[in-house]
Amino acid sequence: MDIEIKAWLYDILSSIMEIDSFFTDIPKEYSSYRNDIRTRRAVERNIEIIGEALSRIMAKDTTIEITNSRKIVDTRNRIIHGYDSVSDEIVWGIVINHLPILQKEVQELSGE
């Protein structure tokens, strides 16, 4: 596998682990997320990183298939360019529903 793709996969895994670390001392519940502006912004930043890494991977190697990669990239674009219309519910849905799947797929791709 290309060294750049490996680096981007590592960035994705690091961002997912960082998001998980935000919920070490607080419950991993929507209300905890919604009521903490710092956690929301930190999660959004990590989703930006994940989305950018996925975008680069998709551009470099079209044979790599990652579930919902296009949707995650679109969410990254929404956070960056439409910051005033970011839905906390959608971001939270990504954290709960999509990041665990993404983590497994990226771990398999990277051989971890």
PDB file of N, CA and C in Angstrom:
ATOM      1  N   MET A   1       0.843  -1.184   0.000  1.00  0.00           N
ATOM      2  CA  MET A   1       0.000   0.000   0.000  1.00  0.00           C
ATOM      3  C   MET A   1       0.886   1.245   0.000  1.00  0.00           C
ATOM      4  N   ASP A   2       0.445   2.248  -0.690  1.00  0.00           N
ATOM      5  CA  ASP A   2       1.147   3.530  -0.802  1.00  0.00           C
ATOM      6  C   ASP A   2       1.377   4.145   0.586  1.00  0.00           C
ATOM      7  N   ILE A   3       2.547   4.725   0.797  1.00  0.00           N
ATOM      8  CA  ILE A   3       2.907   5.316   2.095  1.00  0.00           C
ATOM      9  C   ILE A   3       1.977   6.467   2.485  1.00  0.00           C
ATOM     10  N   GLU A   4       1.561   7.267   1.503  1.00  0.00           N
ATOM     11  CA  GLU A   4       0.640   8.364   1.816  1.00  0.00           C
ATOM     12  C   GLU A   4      -0.702   7.825   2.294  1.00  0.00           C
ATOM     13  N   ILE A   5      -1.191   6.796   1.635  1.00  0.00           N
ATOM     14  CA  ILE A   5      -2.471   6.213   2.050  1.00  0.00           C
ATOM     15  C   ILE A   5      -2.356   5.643   3.456  1.00  0.00           C
ATOM     16  N   LYS A   6      -1.253   4.987   3.754  1.00  0.00           N
ATOM     17  CA  LYS A   6      -1.042   4.479   5.111  1.00  0.00           C
ATOM     18  C   LYS A   6      -1.065   5.614   6.136  1.00  0.00           C
ATOM     19  N   ALA A   7      -0.445   6.730   5.790  1.00  0.00           N
ATOM     20  CA  ALA A   7      -0.423   7.883   6.703  1.00  0.00           C
ATOM     21  C   ALA A   7      -1.831   8.429   6.908  1.00  0.00           C
ATOM     22  N   TRP A   8      -2.608   8.507   5.844  1.00  0.00           N
ATOM     23  CA  TRP A   8      -3.984   9.015   5.966  1.00  0.00           C
ATOM     24  C   TRP A   8      -4.860   8.063   6.763  1.00  0.00           C
ATOM     25  N   LEU A   9      -4.655   6.754   6.582  1.00  0.00           N
ATOM     26  CA  LEU A   9      -5.394   5.781   7.383  1.00  0.00           C
ATOM     27  C   LEU A   9      -5.038   5.940   8.858  1.00  0.00           C
ATOM     28  N   TYR A  10      -3.758   6.172   9.145  1.00  0.00           N
ATOM     29  CA  TYR A  10      -3.322   6.412  10.518  1.00  0.00           C
ATOM     30  C   TYR A  10      -3.996   7.667  11.087  1.00  0.00           C
ATOM     31  N   ASP A  11      -4.079   8.720  10.275  1.00  0.00           N
ATOM     32  CA  ASP A  11      -4.733   9.958  10.721  1.00  0.00           C
ATOM     33  C   ASP A  11      -6.196   9.710  11.073  1.00  0.00           C
ATOM     34  N   ILE A  12      -6.861   8.888  10.265  1.00  0.00           N
ATOM     35  CA  ILE A  12      -8.264   8.561  10.535  1.00  0.00           C
ATOM     36  C   ILE A  12      -8.382   7.828  11.861  1.00  0.00           C
ATOM     37  N   LEU A  13      -7.564   6.804  12.053  1.00  0.00           N
ATOM     38  CA  LEU A  13      -7.612   6.051  13.315  1.00  0.00           C
ATOM     39  C   LEU A  13      -7.287   6.930  14.514  1.00  0.00           C
ATOM     40  N   SER A  14      -6.303   7.789  14.370  1.00  0.00           N
ATOM     41  CA  SER A  14      -5.941   8.690  15.472  1.00  0.00           C
ATOM     42  C   SER A  14      -7.099   9.623  15.826  1.00  0.00           C
ATOM     43  N   SER A  15      -7.778  10.124  14.814  1.00  0.00           N
ATOM     44  CA  SER A  15      -8.908  11.021  15.066  1.00  0.00           C
ATOM     45  C   SER A  15     -10.067  10.288  15.728  1.00  0.00           C
ATOM     46  N   ILE A  16     -10.324   9.055  15.301  1.00  0.00           N
ATOM     47  CA  ILE A  16     -11.393   8.273  15.934  1.00  0.00           C
ATOM     48  C   ILE A  16     -11.051   8.010  17.397  1.00  0.00           C
ATOM     49  N   MET A  17      -9.803   7.634  17.675  1.00  0.00           N
ATOM     50  CA  MET A  17      -9.393   7.378  19.062  1.00  0.00           C
ATOM     51  C   MET A  17      -9.474   8.654  19.903  1.00  0.00           C
ATOM     52  N   GLU A  18      -9.128   9.781  19.292  1.00  0.00           N
ATOM     53  CA  GLU A  18      -9.218  11.045  20.030  1.00  0.00           C
ATOM     54  C   GLU A  18     -10.678  11.360  20.365  1.00  0.00           C
ATOM     55  N   ILE A  19     -11.571  11.172  19.412  1.00  0.00           N
ATOM     56  CA  ILE A  19     -12.992  11.395  19.685  1.00  0.00           C
ATOM     57  C   ILE A  19     -13.445  10.501  20.835  1.00  0.00           C
ATOM     58  N   ASP A  20     -13.073   9.235  20.799  1.00  0.00           N
ATOM     59  CA  ASP A  20     -13.449   8.325  21.886  1.00  0.00           C
ATOM     60  C   ASP A  20     -12.900   8.800  23.226  1.00  0.00           C
ATOM     61  N   SER A  21     -11.717   9.389  23.218  1.00  0.00           N
ATOM     62  CA  SER A  21     -11.099   9.842  24.467  1.00  0.00           C
ATOM     63  C   SER A  21     -11.873  10.984  25.124  1.00  0.00           C
ATOM     64  N   PHE A  22     -12.652  11.716  24.350  1.00  0.00           N
ATOM     65  CA  PHE A  22     -13.431  12.816  24.920  1.00  0.00           C
ATOM     66  C   PHE A  22     -14.513  12.318  25.861  1.00  0.00           C
ATOM     67  N   PHE A  23     -14.848  11.037  25.749  1.00  0.00           N
ATOM     68  CA  PHE A  23     -15.944  10.483  26.541  1.00  0.00           C
ATOM     69  C   PHE A  23     -15.444   9.544  27.626  1.00  0.00           C
ATOM     70  N   THR A  24     -14.216   9.756  28.057  1.00  0.00           N
ATOM     71  CA  THR A  24     -13.661   8.969  29.149  1.00  0.00           C
ATOM     72  C   THR A  24     -14.263   9.412  30.479  1.00  0.00           C
ATOM     73  N   ASP A  25     -14.405  10.722  30.649  1.00  0.00           N
ATOM     74  CA  ASP A  25     -14.880  11.268  31.921  1.00  0.00           C
ATOM     75  C   ASP A  25     -16.335  11.708  31.893  1.00  0.00           C
ATOM     76  N   ILE A  26     -16.937  11.694  30.728  1.00  0.00           N
ATOM     77  CA  ILE A  26     -18.357  12.043  30.614  1.00  0.00           C
ATOM     78  C   ILE A  26     -19.068  10.921  29.867  1.00  0.00           C
ATOM     79  N   PRO A  27     -20.360  10.754  30.110  1.00  0.00           N
ATOM     80  CA  PRO A  27     -21.080   9.680  29.413  1.00  0.00           C
ATOM     81  C   PRO A  27     -21.080   9.907  27.901  1.00  0.00           C
ATOM     82  N   LYS A  28     -21.000   8.823  27.157  1.00  0.00           N
ATOM     83  CA  LYS A  28     -21.053   8.912  25.693  1.00  0.00           C
ATOM     84  C   LYS A  28     -22.525   8.944  25.296  1.00  0.00           C
ATOM     85  N   GLU A  29     -23.130  10.099  25.597  1.00  0.00           N
ATOM     86  CA  GLU A  29     -24.549  10.330  25.333  1.00  0.00           C
ATOM     87  C   GLU A  29     -24.694  11.656  24.607  1.00  0.00           C
ATOM     88  N   TYR A  30     -25.750  11.749  23.829  1.00  0.00           N
ATOM     89  CA  TYR A  30     -25.977  12.966  23.055  1.00  0.00           C
ATOM     90  C   TYR A  30     -26.066  14.191  23.953  1.00  0.00           C
ATOM     91  N   SER A  31     -26.746  14.074  25.089  1.00  0.00           N
ATOM     92  CA  SER A  31     -26.913  15.241  25.963  1.00  0.00           C
ATOM     93  C   SER A  31     -25.560  15.750  26.471  1.00  0.00           C
ATOM     94  N   SER A  32     -24.648  14.843  26.793  1.00  0.00           N
ATOM     95  CA  SER A  32     -23.314  15.256  27.237  1.00  0.00           C
ATOM     96  C   SER A  32     -22.586  15.973  26.116  1.00  0.00           C
ATOM     97  N   TYR A  33     -22.687  15.416  24.926  1.00  0.00           N
ATOM     98  CA  TYR A  33     -22.060  16.025  23.743  1.00  0.00           C
ATOM     99  C   TYR A  33     -22.675  17.394  23.463  1.00  0.00           C
ATOM    100  N   ARG A  34     -23.966  17.461  23.418  1.00  0.00           N
ATOM    101  CA  ARG A  34     -24.693  18.690  23.057  1.00  0.00           C
ATOM    102  C   ARG A  34     -24.429  19.825  24.042  1.00  0.00           C
ATOM    103  N   ASN A  35     -24.230  19.494  25.291  1.00  0.00           N
ATOM    104  CA  ASN A  35     -24.083  20.514  26.331  1.00  0.00           C
ATOM    105  C   ASN A  35     -22.641  20.966  26.555  1.00  0.00           C
ATOM    106  N   ASP A  36     -21.706  20.455  25.778  1.00  0.00           N
ATOM    107  CA  ASP A  36     -20.298  20.815  25.962  1.00  0.00           C
ATOM    108  C   ASP A  36     -19.731  21.344  24.650  1.00  0.00           C
ATOM    109  N   ILE A  37     -19.646  22.644  24.531  1.00  0.00           N
ATOM    110  CA  ILE A  37     -19.196  23.289  23.298  1.00  0.00           C
ATOM    111  C   ILE A  37     -17.776  22.868  22.925  1.00  0.00           C
ATOM    112  N   ARG A  38     -16.914  22.698  23.912  1.00  0.00           N
ATOM    113  CA  ARG A  38     -15.533  22.302  23.606  1.00  0.00           C
ATOM    114  C   ARG A  38     -15.481  20.899  23.005  1.00  0.00           C
ATOM    115  N   THR A  39     -16.268  19.996  23.553  1.00  0.00           N
ATOM    116  CA  THR A  39     -16.303  18.642  23.006  1.00  0.00           C
ATOM    117  C   THR A  39     -16.886  18.663  21.592  1.00  0.00           C
ATOM    118  N   ARG A  40     -17.947  19.440  21.391  1.00  0.00           N
ATOM    119  CA  ARG A  40     -18.536  19.518  20.042  1.00  0.00           C
ATOM    120  C   ARG A  40     -17.520  20.023  19.036  1.00  0.00           C
ATOM    121  N   ARG A  41     -16.816  21.074  19.370  1.00  0.00           N
ATOM    122  CA  ARG A  41     -15.829  21.637  18.436  1.00  0.00           C
ATOM    123  C   ARG A  41     -14.673  20.672  18.200  1.00  0.00           C
ATOM    124  N   ALA A  42     -14.246  19.978  19.241  1.00  0.00           N
ATOM    125  CA  ALA A  42     -13.151  19.020  19.090  1.00  0.00           C
ATOM    126  C   ALA A  42     -13.581  17.836  18.216  1.00  0.00           C
ATOM    127  N   VAL A  43     -14.805  17.366  18.396  1.00  0.00           N
ATOM    128  CA  VAL A  43     -15.324  16.284  17.556  1.00  0.00           C
ATOM    129  C   VAL A  43     -15.417  16.760  16.112  1.00  0.00           C
ATOM    130  N   GLU A  44     -15.946  17.959  15.915  1.00  0.00           N
ATOM    131  CA  GLU A  44     -16.060  18.505  14.554  1.00  0.00           C
ATOM    132  C   GLU A  44     -14.684  18.597  13.895  1.00  0.00           C
ATOM    133  N   ARG A  45     -13.691  19.046  14.624  1.00  0.00           N
ATOM    134  CA  ARG A  45     -12.338  19.162  14.061  1.00  0.00           C
ATOM    135  C   ARG A  45     -11.810  17.796  13.637  1.00  0.00           C
ATOM    136  N   ASN A  46     -12.032  16.798  14.463  1.00  0.00           N
ATOM    137  CA  ASN A  46     -11.569  15.460  14.112  1.00  0.00           C
ATOM    138  C   ASN A  46     -12.337  14.891  12.927  1.00  0.00           C
ATOM    139  N   ILE A  47     -13.605  15.214  12.799  1.00  0.00           N
ATOM    140  CA  ILE A  47     -14.356  14.778  11.616  1.00  0.00           C
ATOM    141  C   ILE A  47     -13.838  15.502  10.376  1.00  0.00           C
ATOM    142  N   GLU A  48     -13.417  16.744  10.527  1.00  0.00           N
ATOM    143  CA  GLU A  48     -12.777  17.442   9.407  1.00  0.00           C
ATOM    144  C   GLU A  48     -11.524  16.686   8.959  1.00  0.00           C
ATOM    145  N   ILE A  49     -10.700  16.271   9.910  1.00  0.00           N
ATOM    146  CA  ILE A  49      -9.475  15.535   9.594  1.00  0.00           C
ATOM    147  C   ILE A  49      -9.820  14.208   8.919  1.00  0.00           C
ATOM    148  N   ILE A  50     -10.772  13.486   9.479  1.00  0.00           N
ATOM    149  CA  ILE A  50     -11.194  12.213   8.899  1.00  0.00           C
ATOM    150  C   ILE A  50     -11.695  12.415   7.475  1.00  0.00           C
ATOM    151  N   GLY A  51     -12.541  13.419   7.276  1.00  0.00           N
ATOM    152  CA  GLY A  51     -13.093  13.687   5.953  1.00  0.00           C
ATOM    153  C   GLY A  51     -12.028  14.069   4.949  1.00  0.00           C
ATOM    154  N   GLU A  52     -11.060  14.868   5.369  1.00  0.00           N
ATOM    155  CA  GLU A  52      -9.979  15.260   4.466  1.00  0.00           C
ATOM    156  C   GLU A  52      -9.108  14.050   4.112  1.00  0.00           C
ATOM    157  N   ALA A  53      -8.803  13.233   5.096  1.00  0.00           N
ATOM    158  CA  ALA A  53      -8.006  12.037   4.830  1.00  0.00           C
ATOM    159  C   ALA A  53      -8.742  11.098   3.880  1.00  0.00           C
ATOM    160  N   LEU A  54     -10.038  10.919   4.095  1.00  0.00           N
ATOM    161  CA  LEU A  54     -10.827  10.069   3.195  1.00  0.00           C
ATOM    162  C   LEU A  54     -10.856  10.646   1.783  1.00  0.00           C
ATOM    163  N   SER A  55     -10.996  11.951   1.681  1.00  0.00           N
ATOM    164  CA  SER A  55     -11.009  12.607   0.373  1.00  0.00           C
ATOM    165  C   SER A  55      -9.702  12.353  -0.366  1.00  0.00           C
ATOM    166  N   ARG A  56      -8.601  12.458   0.330  1.00  0.00           N
ATOM    167  CA  ARG A  56      -7.288  12.225  -0.283  1.00  0.00           C
ATOM    168  C   ARG A  56      -7.129  10.766  -0.706  1.00  0.00           C
ATOM    169  N   ILE A  57      -7.588   9.857   0.146  1.00  0.00           N
ATOM    170  CA  ILE A  57      -7.514   8.438  -0.192  1.00  0.00           C
ATOM    171  C   ILE A  57      -8.342   8.144  -1.442  1.00  0.00           C
ATOM    172  N   MET A  58      -9.568   8.677  -1.483  1.00  0.00           N
ATOM    173  CA  MET A  58     -10.455   8.443  -2.622  1.00  0.00           C
ATOM    174  C   MET A  58      -9.856   9.000  -3.919  1.00  0.00           C
ATOM    175  N   ALA A  59      -9.169  10.117  -3.823  1.00  0.00           N
ATOM    176  CA  ALA A  59      -8.560  10.721  -5.014  1.00  0.00           C
ATOM    177  C   ALA A  59      -7.335   9.932  -5.473  1.00  0.00           C
ATOM    178  N   LYS A  60      -6.610   9.381  -4.530  1.00  0.00           N
ATOM    179  CA  LYS A  60      -5.359   8.679  -4.854  1.00  0.00           C
ATOM    180  C   LYS A  60      -5.585   7.249  -5.341  1.00  0.00           C
ATOM    181  N   ASP A  61      -6.583   6.563  -4.743  1.00  0.00           N
ATOM    182  CA  ASP A  61      -6.810   5.157  -5.100  1.00  0.00           C
ATOM    183  C   ASP A  61      -8.312   4.865  -5.101  1.00  0.00           C
ATOM    184  N   THR A  62      -8.886   4.820  -6.266  1.00  0.00           N
ATOM    185  CA  THR A  62     -10.339   4.611  -6.399  1.00  0.00           C
ATOM    186  C   THR A  62     -10.751   3.175  -6.108  1.00  0.00           C
ATOM    187  N   THR A  63      -9.800   2.270  -5.936  1.00  0.00           N
ATOM    188  CA  THR A  63     -10.154   0.879  -5.638  1.00  0.00           C
ATOM    189  C   THR A  63     -10.414   0.644  -4.152  1.00  0.00           C
ATOM    190  N   ILE A  64      -9.997   1.571  -3.318  1.00  0.00           N
ATOM    191  CA  ILE A  64     -10.229   1.425  -1.876  1.00  0.00           C
ATOM    192  C   ILE A  64     -11.671   1.809  -1.579  1.00  0.00           C
ATOM    193  N   GLU A  65     -12.385   0.862  -0.994  1.00  0.00           N
ATOM    194  CA  GLU A  65     -13.789   1.091  -0.662  1.00  0.00           C
ATOM    195  C   GLU A  65     -13.950   1.187   0.848  1.00  0.00           C
ATOM    196  N   ILE A  66     -14.520   2.314   1.261  1.00  0.00           N
ATOM    197  CA  ILE A  66     -14.790   2.551   2.675  1.00  0.00           C
ATOM    198  C   ILE A  66     -16.251   2.981   2.780  1.00  0.00           C
ATOM    199  N   THR A  67     -16.997   2.298   3.627  1.00  0.00           N
ATOM    200  CA  THR A  67     -18.420   2.564   3.793  1.00  0.00           C
ATOM    201  C   THR A  67     -18.669   4.023   4.163  1.00  0.00           C
ATOM    202  N   ASN A  68     -19.604   4.639   3.468  1.00  0.00           N
ATOM    203  CA  ASN A  68     -20.045   6.018   3.733  1.00  0.00           C
ATOM    204  C   ASN A  68     -18.942   7.057   3.617  1.00  0.00           C
ATOM    205  N   SER A  69     -17.870   6.751   2.904  1.00  0.00           N
ATOM    206  CA  SER A  69     -16.773   7.714   2.788  1.00  0.00           C
ATOM    207  C   SER A  69     -17.246   9.021   2.156  1.00  0.00           C
ATOM    208  N   ARG A  70     -18.078   8.941   1.140  1.00  0.00           N
ATOM    209  CA  ARG A  70     -18.564  10.152   0.483  1.00  0.00           C
ATOM    210  C   ARG A  70     -19.378  11.006   1.447  1.00  0.00           C
ATOM    211  N   LYS A  71     -20.215  10.374   2.258  1.00  0.00           N
ATOM    212  CA  LYS A  71     -21.032  11.114   3.223  1.00  0.00           C
ATOM    213  C   LYS A  71     -20.163  11.787   4.293  1.00  0.00           C
ATOM    214  N   ILE A  72     -19.111  11.094   4.707  1.00  0.00           N
ATOM    215  CA  ILE A  72     -18.227  11.675   5.712  1.00  0.00           C
ATOM    216  C   ILE A  72     -17.467  12.865   5.126  1.00  0.00           C
ATOM    217  N   VAL A  73     -17.021  12.742   3.889  1.00  0.00           N
ATOM    218  CA  VAL A  73     -16.357  13.868   3.217  1.00  0.00           C
ATOM    219  C   VAL A  73     -17.335  15.030   3.065  1.00  0.00           C
ATOM    220  N   ASP A  74     -18.567  14.736   2.692  1.00  0.00           N
ATOM    221  CA  ASP A  74     -19.582  15.791   2.567  1.00  0.00           C
ATOM    222  C   ASP A  74     -19.830  16.489   3.905  1.00  0.00           C
ATOM    223  N   THR A  75     -19.823  15.722   4.984  1.00  0.00           N
ATOM    224  CA  THR A  75     -20.003  16.315   6.314  1.00  0.00           C
ATOM    225  C   THR A  75     -18.818  17.202   6.656  1.00  0.00           C
ATOM    226  N   ARG A  76     -17.612  16.763   6.314  1.00  0.00           N
ATOM    227  CA  ARG A  76     -16.421  17.588   6.513  1.00  0.00           C
ATOM    228  C   ARG A  76     -16.569  18.914   5.787  1.00  0.00           C
ATOM    229  N   ASN A  77     -17.029  18.854   4.549  1.00  0.00           N
ATOM    230  CA  ASN A  77     -17.222  20.081   3.770  1.00  0.00           C
ATOM    231  C   ASN A  77     -18.281  20.982   4.395  1.00  0.00           C
ATOM    232  N   ARG A  78     -19.335  20.386   4.921  1.00  0.00           N
ATOM    233  CA  ARG A  78     -20.393  21.163   5.576  1.00  0.00           C
ATOM    234  C   ARG A  78     -19.850  21.862   6.811  1.00  0.00           C
ATOM    235  N   ILE A  79     -19.057  21.150   7.600  1.00  0.00           N
ATOM    236  CA  ILE A  79     -18.498  21.745   8.819  1.00  0.00           C
ATOM    237  C   ILE A  79     -17.593  22.922   8.463  1.00  0.00           C
ATOM    238  N   ILE A  80     -16.770  22.752   7.442  1.00  0.00           N
ATOM    239  CA  ILE A  80     -15.818  23.800   7.079  1.00  0.00           C
ATOM    240  C   ILE A  80     -16.494  24.977   6.383  1.00  0.00           C
ATOM    241  N   HIS A  81     -17.324  24.682   5.398  1.00  0.00           N
ATOM    242  CA  HIS A  81     -17.874  25.747   4.565  1.00  0.00           C
ATOM    243  C   HIS A  81     -19.248  26.231   5.015  1.00  0.00           C
ATOM    244  N   GLY A  82     -19.967  25.393   5.729  1.00  0.00           N
ATOM    245  CA  GLY A  82     -21.296  25.780   6.197  1.00  0.00           C
ATOM    246  C   GLY A  82     -21.381  25.702   7.699  1.00  0.00           C
ATOM    247  N   TYR A  83     -20.348  26.228   8.350  1.00  0.00           N
ATOM    248  CA  TYR A  83     -20.226  26.120   9.810  1.00  0.00           C
ATOM    249  C   TYR A  83     -21.473  26.567  10.557  1.00  0.00           C
ATOM    250  N   ASP A  84     -22.225  27.482   9.956  1.00  0.00           N
ATOM    251  CA  ASP A  84     -23.409  28.008  10.632  1.00  0.00           C
ATOM    252  C   ASP A  84     -24.633  27.110  10.468  1.00  0.00           C
ATOM    253  N   SER A  85     -24.486  26.028   9.730  1.00  0.00           N
ATOM    254  CA  SER A  85     -25.618  25.118   9.544  1.00  0.00           C
ATOM    255  C   SER A  85     -25.255  23.677   9.897  1.00  0.00           C
ATOM    256  N   VAL A  86     -24.269  23.512  10.766  1.00  0.00           N
ATOM    257  CA  VAL A  86     -23.864  22.168  11.194  1.00  0.00           C
ATOM    258  C   VAL A  86     -24.910  21.633  12.166  1.00  0.00           C
ATOM    259  N   SER A  87     -25.354  20.432  11.903  1.00  0.00           N
ATOM    260  CA  SER A  87     -26.342  19.790  12.761  1.00  0.00           C
ATOM    261  C   SER A  87     -25.648  18.923  13.802  1.00  0.00           C
ATOM    262  N   ASP A  88     -25.862  19.259  15.067  1.00  0.00           N
ATOM    263  CA  ASP A  88     -25.284  18.457  16.143  1.00  0.00           C
ATOM    264  C   ASP A  88     -25.794  17.024  16.083  1.00  0.00           C
ATOM    265  N   GLU A  89     -27.054  16.846  15.700  1.00  0.00           N
ATOM    266  CA  GLU A  89     -27.637  15.512  15.613  1.00  0.00           C
ATOM    267  C   GLU A  89     -26.928  14.669  14.545  1.00  0.00           C
ATOM    268  N   ILE A  90     -26.620  15.272  13.406  1.00  0.00           N
ATOM    269  CA  ILE A  90     -25.944  14.536  12.341  1.00  0.00           C
ATOM    270  C   ILE A  90     -24.520  14.184  12.757  1.00  0.00           C
ATOM    271  N   VAL A  91     -23.823  15.131  13.347  1.00  0.00           N
ATOM    272  CA  VAL A  91     -22.458  14.855  13.805  1.00  0.00           C
ATOM    273  C   VAL A  91     -22.481  13.736  14.841  1.00  0.00           C
ATOM    274  N   TRP A  92     -23.413  13.804  15.773  1.00  0.00           N
ATOM    275  CA  TRP A  92     -23.508  12.763  16.797  1.00  0.00           C
ATOM    276  C   TRP A  92     -23.842  11.407  16.162  1.00  0.00           C
ATOM    277  N   GLY A  93     -24.706  11.407  15.167  1.00  0.00           N
ATOM    278  CA  GLY A  93     -25.026  10.172  14.455  1.00  0.00           C
ATOM    279  C   GLY A  93     -23.802   9.552  13.815  1.00  0.00           C
ATOM    280  N   ILE A  94     -22.929  10.384  13.284  1.00  0.00           N
ATOM    281  CA  ILE A  94     -21.674   9.893  12.708  1.00  0.00           C
ATOM    282  C   ILE A  94     -20.814   9.264  13.795  1.00  0.00           C
ATOM    283  N   VAL A  95     -20.703   9.938  14.932  1.00  0.00           N
ATOM    284  CA  VAL A  95     -19.885   9.430  16.038  1.00  0.00           C
ATOM    285  C   VAL A  95     -20.386   8.062  16.491  1.00  0.00           C
ATOM    286  N   ILE A  96     -21.678   7.920  16.645  1.00  0.00           N
ATOM    287  CA  ILE A  96     -22.253   6.688  17.192  1.00  0.00           C
ATOM    288  C   ILE A  96     -22.395   5.587  16.143  1.00  0.00           C
ATOM    289  N   ASN A  97     -22.860   5.948  14.958  1.00  0.00           N
ATOM    290  CA  ASN A  97     -23.211   4.933  13.958  1.00  0.00           C
ATOM    291  C   ASN A  97     -22.128   4.632  12.929  1.00  0.00           C
ATOM    292  N   HIS A  98     -21.370   5.632  12.524  1.00  0.00           N
ATOM    293  CA  HIS A  98     -20.451   5.449  11.408  1.00  0.00           C
ATOM    294  C   HIS A  98     -18.989   5.284  11.810  1.00  0.00           C
ATOM    295  N   LEU A  99     -18.563   5.960  12.860  1.00  0.00           N
ATOM    296  CA  LEU A  99     -17.147   5.851  13.239  1.00  0.00           C
ATOM    297  C   LEU A  99     -16.731   4.449  13.681  1.00  0.00           C
ATOM    298  N   PRO A 100     -17.583   3.696  14.398  1.00  0.00           N
ATOM    299  CA  PRO A 100     -17.168   2.326  14.731  1.00  0.00           C
ATOM    300  C   PRO A 100     -16.952   1.449  13.485  1.00  0.00           C
ATOM    301  N   ILE A 101     -17.795   1.612  12.487  1.00  0.00           N
ATOM    302  CA  ILE A 101     -17.643   0.866  11.231  1.00  0.00           C
ATOM    303  C   ILE A 101     -16.379   1.326  10.512  1.00  0.00           C
ATOM    304  N   LEU A 102     -16.197   2.647  10.451  1.00  0.00           N
ATOM    305  CA  LEU A 102     -15.010   3.204   9.804  1.00  0.00           C
ATOM    306  C   LEU A 102     -13.744   2.705  10.490  1.00  0.00           C
ATOM    307  N   GLN A 103     -13.754   2.680  11.798  1.00  0.00           N
ATOM    308  CA  GLN A 103     -12.579   2.229  12.542  1.00  0.00           C
ATOM    309  C   GLN A 103     -12.217   0.788  12.168  1.00  0.00           C
ATOM    310  N   LYS A 104     -13.199  -0.088  12.127  1.00  0.00           N
ATOM    311  CA  LYS A 104     -12.938  -1.482  11.757  1.00  0.00           C
ATOM    312  C   LYS A 104     -12.384  -1.590  10.344  1.00  0.00           C
ATOM    313  N   GLU A 105     -13.003  -0.879   9.417  1.00  0.00           N
ATOM    314  CA  GLU A 105     -12.552  -0.949   8.025  1.00  0.00           C
ATOM    315  C   GLU A 105     -11.134  -0.418   7.859  1.00  0.00           C
ATOM    316  N   VAL A 106     -10.831   0.683   8.530  1.00  0.00           N
ATOM    317  CA  VAL A 106      -9.497   1.281   8.414  1.00  0.00           C
ATOM    318  C   VAL A 106      -8.460   0.372   9.079  1.00  0.00           C
ATOM    319  N   GLN A 107      -8.807  -0.224  10.197  1.00  0.00           N
ATOM    320  CA  GLN A 107      -7.891  -1.161  10.847  1.00  0.00           C
ATOM    321  C   GLN A 107      -7.589  -2.353   9.931  1.00  0.00           C
ATOM    322  N   GLU A 108      -8.597  -2.850   9.248  1.00  0.00           N
ATOM    323  CA  GLU A 108      -8.391  -3.960   8.315  1.00  0.00           C
ATOM    324  C   GLU A 108      -7.516  -3.532   7.139  1.00  0.00           C
ATOM    325  N   LEU A 109      -7.775  -2.340   6.592  1.00  0.00           N
ATOM    326  CA  LEU A 109      -6.988  -1.846   5.471  1.00  0.00           C
ATOM    327  C   LEU A 109      -5.531  -1.615   5.850  1.00  0.00           C
ATOM    328  N   SER A 110      -5.322  -1.127   7.058  1.00  0.00           N
ATOM    329  CA  SER A 110      -3.960  -0.800   7.489  1.00  0.00           C
ATOM    330  C   SER A 110      -3.238  -1.987   8.106  1.00  0.00           C
ATOM    331  N   GLY A 111      -3.960  -3.101   8.276  1.00  0.00           N
ATOM    332  CA  GLY A 111      -3.335  -4.297   8.819  1.00  0.00           C
ATOM    333  C   GLY A 111      -3.181  -4.293  10.315  1.00  0.00           C
ATOM    334  N   GLU A 112      -3.963  -3.480  11.002  1.00  0.00           N
ATOM    335  CA  GLU A 112      -3.884  -3.436  12.485  1.00  0.00           C
ATOM    336  C   GLU A 112      -4.882  -4.376  13.116  1.00  0.00           C
TER     337      GLU A 112
END
